[in-house]
Amino acid sequence: MPRIQPLTRLRVPLGGQEIELQQLDHEAGGMSLLRTRIREKSRFTVFDIDPATARAWGEALLAWAGTQPGGHGGDNDAAARDG
C-alpha cells in the first residue's frame, strides 16, 4: 500500500473543479511521485507524474500565469488555494 501525503487543494472558480495534489511514496522505495486528482462533479481524473515532469509542468504554468493580468501572485492566490 503506498503512503499518500496531502500537499494542497485548489478549487477552480470557473467550473468548480477540485484539484488535489498529493505525494505518493511506495513502500518498496523508489522515487516519489506527484499525484494529481481532478474532480469534475462525479468524474475523477487521477495521474501520477515524476519530479522532472512536475518541474516542467510547473514552470509552464508559472510562465503562462506571469503573462496574464493578475498573474503575479499575492493574497488572492492564497484564498484560491485554501478554498
Protein backbone atom coordinates (compact mmCIF):
# COMPACT_ATOMS: atom_id res chain seq x y z
CA MET A 1 0.00 0.00 0.00
CA PRO A 2 1.54 3.36 -0.98
CA ARG A 3 1.85 6.19 1.53
CA ILE A 4 -0.03 9.31 0.40
CA GLN A 5 0.74 12.75 1.84
CA PRO A 6 -1.67 15.60 1.02
CA LEU A 7 0.09 18.70 -0.33
CA THR A 8 -2.59 21.19 -1.38
CA ARG A 9 -6.16 21.56 -2.62
CA LEU A 10 -7.48 24.12 -5.07
CA ARG A 11 -10.92 24.97 -6.38
CA VAL A 12 -11.24 26.40 -9.87
CA PRO A 13 -13.57 29.42 -9.62
CA LEU A 14 -14.97 28.95 -13.14
CA GLY A 15 -16.25 25.42 -13.47
CA GLY A 16 -15.87 24.40 -9.83
CA GLN A 17 -13.33 21.63 -10.40
CA GLU A 18 -11.40 20.49 -7.35
CA ILE A 19 -7.67 19.86 -7.79
CA GLU A 20 -5.76 17.94 -5.14
CA LEU A 21 -2.00 17.38 -5.14
CA GLN A 22 -0.50 14.54 -3.11
CA GLN A 23 2.93 12.99 -2.69
CA LEU A 24 2.87 9.28 -3.40
CA ASP A 25 5.57 7.05 -1.86
CA HIS A 26 5.60 3.29 -2.42
CA GLU A 27 6.61 1.06 0.49
CA ALA A 28 9.26 -0.63 -1.65
CA GLY A 29 11.01 2.70 -2.18
CA GLY A 30 11.96 4.41 -5.40
CA MET A 31 11.18 7.95 -6.45
CA SER A 32 8.28 9.89 -5.02
CA LEU A 33 5.53 10.78 -7.47
CA LEU A 34 3.16 13.71 -7.57
CA ARG A 35 -0.44 12.51 -7.71
CA THR A 36 -2.83 14.96 -9.30
CA ARG A 37 -6.55 14.35 -8.70
CA ILE A 38 -9.06 16.48 -10.58
CA ARG A 39 -12.72 16.14 -9.66
CA GLU A 40 -15.42 17.41 -12.00
CA LYS A 41 -18.78 16.70 -10.36
CA SER A 42 -18.80 12.87 -10.11
CA ARG A 43 -15.92 12.29 -12.55
CA PHE A 44 -12.31 11.93 -11.38
CA THR A 45 -9.09 12.18 -13.35
CA VAL A 46 -6.03 10.87 -11.50
CA PHE A 47 -2.47 10.70 -12.74
CA ASP A 48 0.96 10.33 -11.18
CA ILE A 49 3.97 12.21 -12.53
CA ASP A 50 7.70 12.11 -11.88
CA PRO A 51 9.70 15.06 -10.48
CA ALA A 52 11.12 16.15 -13.87
CA THR A 53 7.66 16.27 -15.44
CA ALA A 54 6.26 18.10 -12.40
CA ARG A 55 9.01 20.74 -12.69
CA ALA A 56 8.44 21.26 -16.43
CA TRP A 57 4.67 21.46 -15.95
CA GLY A 58 5.03 23.88 -13.02
CA GLU A 59 7.40 26.12 -14.97
CA ALA A 60 4.99 26.18 -17.91
CA LEU A 61 2.09 27.11 -15.61
CA LEU A 62 4.11 29.88 -13.96
CA ALA A 63 5.27 31.24 -17.32
CA TRP A 64 1.70 31.39 -18.59
CA ALA A 65 0.32 32.91 -15.37
CA GLY A 66 3.04 35.57 -15.46
CA THR A 67 1.75 36.81 -18.82
CA GLN A 68 -1.83 37.20 -17.57
CA PRO A 69 -3.34 40.21 -15.78
CA GLY A 70 -3.19 39.50 -12.05
CA GLY A 71 -0.90 36.50 -12.60
CA HIS A 72 1.87 37.84 -10.38
CA GLY A 73 0.79 36.05 -7.15
CA GLY A 74 -0.45 37.61 -3.94
CA ASP A 75 -3.26 37.26 -1.41
CA ASN A 76 -5.91 36.22 -3.95
CA ASP A 77 -3.81 33.19 -4.89
CA ALA A 78 -3.72 32.02 -1.26
CA ALA A 79 -7.51 32.33 -1.00
CA ALA A 80 -7.98 30.24 -4.14
CA ARG A 81 -5.61 27.57 -2.77
CA ASP A 82 -7.29 27.33 0.60
CA GLY A 83 -10.77 27.24 -0.95
